[in-house]
Amino acid sequence: MCDICVMNAVKERMLSRRGFFKATAGAGAAAAIGASTTLPAMAAGHGAIEDLTHALHHDFPTWGGAPGFAMEQEFNFSEHGFNLFQLHIAEHTGTHIDAPLHFSADGLSVDEIPVGNLIAPLCVIDIAARAAEDADTTVTPDDLRAWIAANGDIPDNACVAMYSGWGAKVDTDGFRNFDGEMQHYPGFHVEAAQMLMEETGASSIAVDTLSLDPGNSQDFATHYAWLPSGRFGIENIANLDRLPASGATIFIGAPKFRGGTGGPARILAMV
């Protein structure tokens, strides 16, 4: 075959291959676009996503007051061509999970929480107006009954979340609200937790404060009632004010390390 014939044959083959990859890329893009446009239908009518997670950092307030998170850089891009940090994290820091094991002798560890409980209908109990006047207020059975009267029954497997407005204080001393003897912020009254256990199929509760119990609790009654039952909790949840009282679905990115009593979580909601 002459040189010019060889060159033309190679050229035609390259053009053919270029056309193939171009068509393939176009088909892939079309598929990706198609997938994204079907998302609302796949999500059963949900049209927006909200992040319910505070960014974790060294100064994030903790129940005990000591820092619970640190990052130590071991490799940096200028010297090594990549970045890598060593993390030091207390389990119950930032937006995090309280696993049943946290307040029981042999409850489920965080890696053992059933995955079916990590995607749940979200019920938001709004006590923000009351909390603005009384930092020690709690979610009570009356609050649950009022929510049910307005929104219908609490769904099975629901996450019932307290919105107290406390998330706005997270970067201030007012979030921990320690007076030298005890902390002051809202939580779930143990009677509300018991009502959820006895009368509903809720599998988790969440608070926008440092503890499932109110800050002035001396006995952690809600922790001791709720967690040993096999249910779990979420503390320091964020942005509940962006969600409706009912109708949202929560996605709880629980950490999965063996034997853990909890851990920082990435939590999202679809509205």
C-alpha atoms as a PDB file:
ATOM      1  CA  MET A   1       0.000   0.000   0.000  1.00  0.00           C
ATOM      2  CA  CYS A   2       1.359   3.455  -0.905  1.00  0.00           C
ATOM      3  CA  ASP A   3       2.316   5.928   1.800  1.00  0.00           C
ATOM      4  CA  ILE A   4      -0.546   8.258   0.957  1.00  0.00           C
ATOM      5  CA  CYS A   5      -2.994   5.358   1.115  1.00  0.00           C
ATOM      6  CA  VAL A   6      -1.695   4.344   4.525  1.00  0.00           C
ATOM      7  CA  MET A   7      -1.966   7.922   5.786  1.00  0.00           C
ATOM      8  CA  ASN A   8      -5.533   8.238   4.482  1.00  0.00           C
ATOM      9  CA  ALA A   9      -6.536   4.911   6.046  1.00  0.00           C
ATOM     10  CA  VAL A  10      -5.118   5.943   9.423  1.00  0.00           C
ATOM     11  CA  LYS A  11      -6.814   9.324   9.174  1.00  0.00           C
ATOM     12  CA  GLU A  12     -10.176   7.720   8.406  1.00  0.00           C
ATOM     13  CA  ARG A  13      -9.752   5.308  11.310  1.00  0.00           C
ATOM     14  CA  MET A  14      -8.926   8.161  13.718  1.00  0.00           C
ATOM     15  CA  LEU A  15     -11.913  10.162  12.534  1.00  0.00           C
ATOM     16  CA  SER A  16     -14.103   7.120  12.980  1.00  0.00           C
ATOM     17  CA  ARG A  17     -12.787   6.548  16.525  1.00  0.00           C
ATOM     18  CA  ARG A  18     -13.223  10.248  17.349  1.00  0.00           C
ATOM     19  CA  GLY A  19     -16.809  10.070  16.161  1.00  0.00           C
ATOM     20  CA  PHE A  20     -17.405   6.973  18.263  1.00  0.00           C
ATOM     21  CA  PHE A  21     -16.064   8.579  21.476  1.00  0.00           C
ATOM     22  CA  LYS A  22     -17.928  11.793  20.757  1.00  0.00           C
ATOM     23  CA  ALA A  23     -21.163   9.892  20.336  1.00  0.00           C
ATOM     24  CA  THR A  24     -20.474   7.844  23.455  1.00  0.00           C
ATOM     25  CA  ALA A  25     -19.751  10.970  25.492  1.00  0.00           C
ATOM     26  CA  GLY A  26     -22.932  12.550  24.191  1.00  0.00           C
ATOM     27  CA  ALA A  27     -24.950   9.493  25.146  1.00  0.00           C
ATOM     28  CA  GLY A  28     -23.349   9.506  28.619  1.00  0.00           C
ATOM     29  CA  ALA A  29     -24.160  13.178  29.092  1.00  0.00           C
ATOM     30  CA  ALA A  30     -27.713  12.587  27.960  1.00  0.00           C
ATOM     31  CA  ALA A  31     -28.016   9.727  30.419  1.00  0.00           C
ATOM     32  CA  ALA A  32     -26.650  11.882  33.222  1.00  0.00           C
ATOM     33  CA  ILE A  33     -29.043  14.692  32.370  1.00  0.00           C
ATOM     34  CA  GLY A  34     -31.866  12.228  32.210  1.00  0.00           C
ATOM     35  CA  ALA A  35     -30.960  10.874  35.637  1.00  0.00           C
ATOM     36  CA  SER A  36     -30.882  14.332  37.161  1.00  0.00           C
ATOM     37  CA  THR A  37     -34.176  15.360  35.628  1.00  0.00           C
ATOM     38  CA  THR A  38     -35.867  12.268  37.037  1.00  0.00           C
ATOM     39  CA  LEU A  39     -34.658  12.938  40.590  1.00  0.00           C
ATOM     40  CA  PRO A  40     -37.814  14.738  41.803  1.00  0.00           C
ATOM     41  CA  ALA A  41     -39.981  11.866  40.560  1.00  0.00           C
ATOM     42  CA  MET A  42     -37.681   9.299  42.165  1.00  0.00           C
ATOM     43  CA  ALA A  43     -37.813  11.261  45.418  1.00  0.00           C
ATOM     44  CA  ALA A  44     -41.602  11.072  45.531  1.00  0.00           C
ATOM     45  CA  GLY A  45     -42.168  14.781  45.098  1.00  0.00           C
ATOM     46  CA  HIS A  46     -39.243  16.156  47.100  1.00  0.00           C
ATOM     47  CA  GLY A  47     -37.787  19.126  45.277  1.00  0.00           C
ATOM     48  CA  ALA A  48     -35.017  20.512  47.496  1.00  0.00           C
ATOM     49  CA  ILE A  49     -32.211  19.302  49.732  1.00  0.00           C
ATOM     50  CA  GLU A  50     -31.224  20.949  53.031  1.00  0.00           C
ATOM     51  CA  ASP A  51     -28.029  20.347  54.983  1.00  0.00           C
ATOM     52  CA  LEU A  52     -28.802  19.713  58.657  1.00  0.00           C
ATOM     53  CA  THR A  53     -25.144  19.470  59.671  1.00  0.00           C
ATOM     54  CA  HIS A  54     -22.952  22.030  61.415  1.00  0.00           C
ATOM     55  CA  ALA A  55     -19.389  22.314  60.097  1.00  0.00           C
ATOM     56  CA  LEU A  56     -17.053  20.690  62.608  1.00  0.00           C
ATOM     57  CA  HIS A  57     -14.032  22.667  63.849  1.00  0.00           C
ATOM     58  CA  HIS A  58     -11.703  22.936  66.826  1.00  0.00           C
ATOM     59  CA  ASP A  59     -13.843  25.454  68.712  1.00  0.00           C
ATOM     60  CA  PHE A  60     -17.173  23.697  68.235  1.00  0.00           C
ATOM     61  CA  PRO A  61     -18.869  23.654  71.662  1.00  0.00           C
ATOM     62  CA  THR A  62     -19.054  20.348  73.507  1.00  0.00           C
ATOM     63  CA  TRP A  63     -21.104  19.174  76.465  1.00  0.00           C
ATOM     64  CA  GLY A  64     -18.049  18.950  78.712  1.00  0.00           C
ATOM     65  CA  GLY A  65     -16.469  22.161  77.475  1.00  0.00           C
ATOM     66  CA  ALA A  66     -13.166  20.694  76.256  1.00  0.00           C
ATOM     67  CA  PRO A  67     -12.417  20.729  72.515  1.00  0.00           C
ATOM     68  CA  GLY A  68     -13.577  17.552  70.807  1.00  0.00           C
ATOM     69  CA  PHE A  69     -12.024  17.951  67.377  1.00  0.00           C
ATOM     70  CA  ALA A  70      -8.538  18.645  66.017  1.00  0.00           C
ATOM     71  CA  MET A  71      -6.839  18.431  62.615  1.00  0.00           C
ATOM     72  CA  GLU A  72      -3.111  17.894  62.225  1.00  0.00           C
ATOM     73  CA  GLN A  73      -1.682  18.256  58.742  1.00  0.00           C
ATOM     74  CA  GLU A  74       0.763  15.456  57.925  1.00  0.00           C
ATOM     75  CA  PHE A  75       1.245  16.163  54.220  1.00  0.00           C
ATOM     76  CA  ASN A  76       0.820  19.372  52.227  1.00  0.00           C
ATOM     77  CA  PHE A  77       0.540  20.005  48.532  1.00  0.00           C
ATOM     78  CA  SER A  78       3.563  22.300  48.139  1.00  0.00           C
ATOM     79  CA  GLU A  79       5.986  19.748  49.629  1.00  0.00           C
ATOM     80  CA  HIS A  80       4.370  16.405  48.909  1.00  0.00           C
ATOM     81  CA  GLY A  81       1.998  16.971  45.997  1.00  0.00           C
ATOM     82  CA  PHE A  82      -1.092  16.167  48.070  1.00  0.00           C
ATOM     83  CA  ASN A  83      -2.831  17.201  51.298  1.00  0.00           C
ATOM     84  CA  LEU A  84      -3.647  14.871  54.193  1.00  0.00           C
ATOM     85  CA  PHE A  85      -4.780  15.558  57.760  1.00  0.00           C
ATOM     86  CA  GLN A  86      -4.791  13.364  60.842  1.00  0.00           C
ATOM     87  CA  LEU A  87      -8.108  13.825  62.663  1.00  0.00           C
ATOM     88  CA  HIS A  88      -8.666  13.579  66.407  1.00  0.00           C
ATOM     89  CA  ILE A  89     -12.378  13.393  67.231  1.00  0.00           C
ATOM     90  CA  ALA A  90     -14.373  12.723  70.374  1.00  0.00           C
ATOM     91  CA  GLU A  91     -17.383  10.621  69.363  1.00  0.00           C
ATOM     92  CA  HIS A  92     -20.000  13.066  70.618  1.00  0.00           C
ATOM     93  CA  THR A  93     -18.804  16.230  68.909  1.00  0.00           C
ATOM     94  CA  GLY A  94     -20.594  18.421  66.393  1.00  0.00           C
ATOM     95  CA  THR A  95     -23.727  17.164  64.685  1.00  0.00           C
ATOM     96  CA  HIS A  96     -23.601  13.563  65.845  1.00  0.00           C
ATOM     97  CA  ILE A  97     -25.360  10.300  66.642  1.00  0.00           C
ATOM     98  CA  ASP A  98     -26.069   8.905  70.107  1.00  0.00           C
ATOM     99  CA  ALA A  99     -26.202   5.137  69.596  1.00  0.00           C
ATOM    100  CA  PRO A 100     -28.104   2.926  72.064  1.00  0.00           C
ATOM    101  CA  LEU A 101     -24.754   1.753  73.460  1.00  0.00           C
ATOM    102  CA  HIS A 102     -24.018   5.295  74.679  1.00  0.00           C
ATOM    103  CA  PHE A 103     -26.381   4.895  77.651  1.00  0.00           C
ATOM    104  CA  SER A 104     -26.735   1.137  78.035  1.00  0.00           C
ATOM    105  CA  ALA A 105     -24.531  -1.790  78.951  1.00  0.00           C
ATOM    106  CA  ASP A 106     -25.026  -3.801  75.779  1.00  0.00           C
ATOM    107  CA  GLY A 107     -27.109  -1.739  73.334  1.00  0.00           C
ATOM    108  CA  LEU A 108     -26.488  -1.428  69.621  1.00  0.00           C
ATOM    109  CA  SER A 109     -23.255   0.298  68.667  1.00  0.00           C
ATOM    110  CA  VAL A 110     -23.365   2.975  65.988  1.00  0.00           C
ATOM    111  CA  ASP A 111     -22.375   0.537  63.228  1.00  0.00           C
ATOM    112  CA  GLU A 112     -25.236  -1.758  64.229  1.00  0.00           C
ATOM    113  CA  ILE A 113     -28.060   0.776  63.814  1.00  0.00           C
ATOM    114  CA  PRO A 114     -30.357  -0.724  61.140  1.00  0.00           C
ATOM    115  CA  VAL A 115     -29.850   1.067  57.850  1.00  0.00           C
ATOM    116  CA  GLY A 116     -33.622   1.223  57.406  1.00  0.00           C
ATOM    117  CA  ASN A 117     -33.753   3.623  60.348  1.00  0.00           C
ATOM    118  CA  LEU A 118     -31.282   6.038  58.752  1.00  0.00           C
ATOM    119  CA  ILE A 119     -33.792   7.266  56.157  1.00  0.00           C
ATOM    120  CA  ALA A 120     -36.939   8.441  57.874  1.00  0.00           C
ATOM    121  CA  PRO A 121     -39.927  10.783  57.807  1.00  0.00           C
ATOM    122  CA  LEU A 122     -39.024  13.939  59.737  1.00  0.00           C
ATOM    123  CA  CYS A 123     -41.378  15.568  62.248  1.00  0.00           C
ATOM    124  CA  VAL A 124     -40.279  19.010  63.469  1.00  0.00           C
ATOM    125  CA  ILE A 125     -41.600  20.126  66.863  1.00  0.00           C
ATOM    126  CA  ASP A 126     -41.208  23.906  67.060  1.00  0.00           C
ATOM    127  CA  ILE A 127     -40.702  25.276  70.595  1.00  0.00           C
ATOM    128  CA  ALA A 128     -38.515  28.218  69.554  1.00  0.00           C
ATOM    129  CA  ALA A 129     -40.860  30.931  70.852  1.00  0.00           C
ATOM    130  CA  ARG A 130     -40.993  29.312  74.261  1.00  0.00           C
ATOM    131  CA  ALA A 131     -37.230  28.677  74.318  1.00  0.00           C
ATOM    132  CA  ALA A 132     -36.554  32.358  73.635  1.00  0.00           C
ATOM    133  CA  GLU A 133     -38.227  33.112  76.967  1.00  0.00           C
ATOM    134  CA  ASP A 134     -37.120  30.039  78.935  1.00  0.00           C
ATOM    135  CA  ALA A 135     -33.819  28.297  78.153  1.00  0.00           C
ATOM    136  CA  ASP A 136     -34.809  25.346  80.352  1.00  0.00           C
ATOM    137  CA  THR A 137     -38.018  24.541  78.494  1.00  0.00           C
ATOM    138  CA  THR A 138     -38.575  21.065  77.069  1.00  0.00           C
ATOM    139  CA  VAL A 139     -40.570  19.191  74.451  1.00  0.00           C
ATOM    140  CA  THR A 140     -43.534  17.779  76.387  1.00  0.00           C
ATOM    141  CA  PRO A 141     -46.348  15.324  75.608  1.00  0.00           C
ATOM    142  CA  ASP A 142     -48.584  18.366  75.048  1.00  0.00           C
ATOM    143  CA  ASP A 143     -46.229  19.531  72.277  1.00  0.00           C
ATOM    144  CA  LEU A 144     -46.464  16.108  70.649  1.00  0.00           C
ATOM    145  CA  ARG A 145     -50.249  16.098  70.890  1.00  0.00           C
ATOM    146  CA  ALA A 146     -50.415  19.583  69.349  1.00  0.00           C
ATOM    147  CA  TRP A 147     -48.178  18.427  66.476  1.00  0.00           C
ATOM    148  CA  ILE A 148     -50.388  15.377  65.895  1.00  0.00           C
ATOM    149  CA  ALA A 149     -53.551  17.513  65.943  1.00  0.00           C
ATOM    150  CA  ALA A 150     -52.064  19.791  63.279  1.00  0.00           C
ATOM    151  CA  ASN A 151     -50.230  17.244  61.110  1.00  0.00           C
ATOM    152  CA  GLY A 152     -51.666  13.788  61.712  1.00  0.00           C
ATOM    153  CA  ASP A 153     -50.108  10.741  63.317  1.00  0.00           C
ATOM    154  CA  ILE A 154     -46.356  10.510  63.734  1.00  0.00           C
ATOM    155  CA  PRO A 155     -45.249   8.059  61.017  1.00  0.00           C
ATOM    156  CA  ASP A 156     -43.584   4.752  61.767  1.00  0.00           C
ATOM    157  CA  ASN A 157     -39.780   4.965  61.806  1.00  0.00           C
ATOM    158  CA  ALA A 158     -39.987   8.755  62.136  1.00  0.00           C
ATOM    159  CA  CYS A 159     -37.266  11.029  63.415  1.00  0.00           C
ATOM    160  CA  VAL A 160     -38.926  13.505  65.783  1.00  0.00           C
ATOM    161  CA  ALA A 161     -36.823  16.658  65.987  1.00  0.00           C
ATOM    162  CA  MET A 162     -36.938  19.544  68.434  1.00  0.00           C
ATOM    163  CA  TYR A 163     -36.479  22.982  66.897  1.00  0.00           C
ATOM    164  CA  SER A 164     -35.644  25.449  69.657  1.00  0.00           C
ATOM    165  CA  GLY A 165     -33.757  28.054  67.630  1.00  0.00           C
ATOM    166  CA  TRP A 166     -30.583  27.149  69.530  1.00  0.00           C
ATOM    167  CA  GLY A 167     -28.553  26.536  66.372  1.00  0.00           C
ATOM    168  CA  ALA A 168     -28.229  30.285  65.850  1.00  0.00           C
ATOM    169  CA  LYS A 169     -26.150  30.424  69.053  1.00  0.00           C
ATOM    170  CA  VAL A 170     -23.639  27.758  68.029  1.00  0.00           C
ATOM    171  CA  ASP A 171     -20.673  30.120  67.680  1.00  0.00           C
ATOM    172  CA  THR A 172     -21.352  31.871  70.983  1.00  0.00           C
ATOM    173  CA  ASP A 173     -21.124  31.048  74.685  1.00  0.00           C
ATOM    174  CA  GLY A 174     -24.928  31.085  74.663  1.00  0.00           C
ATOM    175  CA  PHE A 175     -25.008  27.713  72.929  1.00  0.00           C
ATOM    176  CA  ARG A 176     -23.571  25.885  75.945  1.00  0.00           C
ATOM    177  CA  ASN A 177     -25.067  28.543  78.239  1.00  0.00           C
ATOM    178  CA  PHE A 178     -23.088  27.488  81.306  1.00  0.00           C
ATOM    179  CA  ASP A 179     -23.709  29.576  84.423  1.00  0.00           C
ATOM    180  CA  GLY A 180     -20.857  28.148  86.461  1.00  0.00           C
ATOM    181  CA  GLU A 181     -22.951  25.329  87.909  1.00  0.00           C
ATOM    182  CA  MET A 182     -25.017  23.915  85.066  1.00  0.00           C
ATOM    183  CA  GLN A 183     -25.895  24.418  81.418  1.00  0.00           C
ATOM    184  CA  HIS A 184     -29.192  25.841  80.204  1.00  0.00           C
ATOM    185  CA  TYR A 185     -30.798  24.881  76.881  1.00  0.00           C
ATOM    186  CA  PRO A 186     -33.903  22.955  75.798  1.00  0.00           C
ATOM    187  CA  GLY A 187     -34.264  19.213  75.319  1.00  0.00           C
ATOM    188  CA  PHE A 188     -36.853  16.431  75.396  1.00  0.00           C
ATOM    189  CA  HIS A 189     -38.731  15.869  78.630  1.00  0.00           C
ATOM    190  CA  VAL A 190     -38.563  12.198  79.566  1.00  0.00           C
ATOM    191  CA  GLU A 191     -42.375  11.997  79.460  1.00  0.00           C
ATOM    192  CA  ALA A 192     -42.311  13.060  75.794  1.00  0.00           C
ATOM    193  CA  ALA A 193     -39.737  10.361  75.059  1.00  0.00           C
ATOM    194  CA  GLN A 194     -41.897   7.787  76.856  1.00  0.00           C
ATOM    195  CA  MET A 195     -44.972   8.869  74.899  1.00  0.00           C
ATOM    196  CA  LEU A 196     -43.088   8.417  71.622  1.00  0.00           C
ATOM    197  CA  MET A 197     -41.947   4.967  72.748  1.00  0.00           C
ATOM    198  CA  GLU A 198     -45.372   3.827  73.909  1.00  0.00           C
ATOM    199  CA  GLU A 199     -47.686   5.422  71.367  1.00  0.00           C
ATOM    200  CA  THR A 200     -45.688   5.774  68.130  1.00  0.00           C
ATOM    201  CA  GLY A 201     -43.234   3.883  65.974  1.00  0.00           C
ATOM    202  CA  ALA A 202     -40.616   6.671  65.997  1.00  0.00           C
ATOM    203  CA  SER A 203     -37.085   5.309  65.854  1.00  0.00           C
ATOM    204  CA  SER A 204     -35.051   8.442  66.564  1.00  0.00           C
ATOM    205  CA  ILE A 205     -35.220  11.878  68.165  1.00  0.00           C
ATOM    206  CA  ALA A 206     -33.097  14.909  67.364  1.00  0.00           C
ATOM    207  CA  VAL A 207     -32.268  18.201  69.062  1.00  0.00           C
ATOM    208  CA  ASP A 208     -30.598  21.418  67.913  1.00  0.00           C
ATOM    209  CA  THR A 209     -28.797  21.623  71.277  1.00  0.00           C
ATOM    210  CA  LEU A 210     -25.949  19.742  72.967  1.00  0.00           C
ATOM    211  CA  SER A 211     -28.098  17.081  74.617  1.00  0.00           C
ATOM    212  CA  LEU A 212     -31.289  15.075  74.233  1.00  0.00           C
ATOM    213  CA  ASP A 213     -31.971  16.086  77.839  1.00  0.00           C
ATOM    214  CA  PRO A 214     -32.315  19.761  78.771  1.00  0.00           C
ATOM    215  CA  GLY A 215     -29.034  21.373  79.802  1.00  0.00           C
ATOM    216  CA  ASN A 216     -30.010  21.580  83.478  1.00  0.00           C
ATOM    217  CA  SER A 217     -30.722  17.843  83.723  1.00  0.00           C
ATOM    218  CA  GLN A 218     -28.985  16.066  86.578  1.00  0.00           C
ATOM    219  CA  ASP A 219     -30.166  12.530  85.820  1.00  0.00           C
ATOM    220  CA  PHE A 220     -30.170  12.255  81.980  1.00  0.00           C
ATOM    221  CA  ALA A 221     -33.609  10.687  82.224  1.00  0.00           C
ATOM    222  CA  THR A 222     -34.332  11.034  78.511  1.00  0.00           C
ATOM    223  CA  HIS A 223     -31.046   9.421  77.511  1.00  0.00           C
ATOM    224  CA  TYR A 224     -31.668   6.535  79.914  1.00  0.00           C
ATOM    225  CA  ALA A 225     -35.249   6.036  78.721  1.00  0.00           C
ATOM    226  CA  TRP A 226     -34.715   6.409  74.971  1.00  0.00           C
ATOM    227  CA  LEU A 227     -31.364   4.855  74.114  1.00  0.00           C
ATOM    228  CA  PRO A 228     -31.635   1.510  75.987  1.00  0.00           C
ATOM    229  CA  SER A 229     -34.881   0.883  74.087  1.00  0.00           C
ATOM    230  CA  GLY A 230     -32.831   0.347  70.911  1.00  0.00           C
ATOM    231  CA  ARG A 231     -33.655   3.763  69.465  1.00  0.00           C
ATOM    232  CA  PHE A 232     -31.028   6.416  68.747  1.00  0.00           C
ATOM    233  CA  GLY A 233     -30.633  10.177  69.034  1.00  0.00           C
ATOM    234  CA  ILE A 234     -29.121  13.063  67.096  1.00  0.00           C
ATOM    235  CA  GLU A 235     -27.606  16.094  68.827  1.00  0.00           C
ATOM    236  CA  ASN A 236     -26.580  19.498  67.425  1.00  0.00           C
ATOM    237  CA  ILE A 237     -28.747  19.142  64.320  1.00  0.00           C
ATOM    238  CA  ALA A 238     -28.818  22.312  62.200  1.00  0.00           C
ATOM    239  CA  ASN A 239     -31.197  24.319  60.012  1.00  0.00           C
ATOM    240  CA  LEU A 240     -34.490  22.863  61.154  1.00  0.00           C
ATOM    241  CA  ASP A 241     -36.008  26.305  60.573  1.00  0.00           C
ATOM    242  CA  ARG A 242     -35.706  25.636  56.841  1.00  0.00           C
ATOM    243  CA  LEU A 243     -38.021  22.637  57.007  1.00  0.00           C
ATOM    244  CA  PRO A 244     -41.788  22.190  57.285  1.00  0.00           C
ATOM    245  CA  ALA A 245     -43.329  20.617  60.371  1.00  0.00           C
ATOM    246  CA  SER A 246     -44.046  17.471  58.340  1.00  0.00           C
ATOM    247  CA  GLY A 247     -43.347  16.081  54.890  1.00  0.00           C
ATOM    248  CA  ALA A 248     -39.538  16.134  54.795  1.00  0.00           C
ATOM    249  CA  THR A 249     -37.401  12.999  54.645  1.00  0.00           C
ATOM    250  CA  ILE A 250     -34.181  12.854  56.667  1.00  0.00           C
ATOM    251  CA  PHE A 251     -31.031  11.017  55.546  1.00  0.00           C
ATOM    252  CA  ILE A 252     -28.743  10.230  58.476  1.00  0.00           C
ATOM    253  CA  GLY A 253     -25.141   9.537  57.469  1.00  0.00           C
ATOM    254  CA  ALA A 254     -24.228   7.639  60.624  1.00  0.00           C
ATOM    255  CA  PRO A 255     -20.543   6.695  60.951  1.00  0.00           C
ATOM    256  CA  LYS A 256     -19.746   3.004  60.726  1.00  0.00           C
ATOM    257  CA  PHE A 257     -16.986   2.023  63.101  1.00  0.00           C
ATOM    258  CA  ARG A 258     -17.239  -1.096  65.207  1.00  0.00           C
ATOM    259  CA  GLY A 259     -18.262  -0.702  68.807  1.00  0.00           C
ATOM    260  CA  GLY A 260     -18.799   3.059  68.623  1.00  0.00           C
ATOM    261  CA  THR A 261     -21.212   4.768  71.007  1.00  0.00           C
ATOM    262  CA  GLY A 262     -21.901   7.425  68.405  1.00  0.00           C
ATOM    263  CA  GLY A 263     -20.020   9.743  66.114  1.00  0.00           C
ATOM    264  CA  PRO A 264     -20.171  12.831  63.900  1.00  0.00           C
ATOM    265  CA  ALA A 265     -22.726  12.462  61.111  1.00  0.00           C
ATOM    266  CA  ARG A 266     -23.616  14.202  57.853  1.00  0.00           C
ATOM    267  CA  ILE A 267     -27.365  14.711  57.909  1.00  0.00           C
ATOM    268  CA  LEU A 268     -29.487  15.867  54.967  1.00  0.00           C
ATOM    269  CA  ALA A 269     -33.183  16.392  54.418  1.00  0.00           C
ATOM    270  CA  MET A 270     -35.220  16.283  51.237  1.00  0.00           C
ATOM    271  CA  VAL A 271     -38.196  18.629  51.195  1.00  0.00           C
END
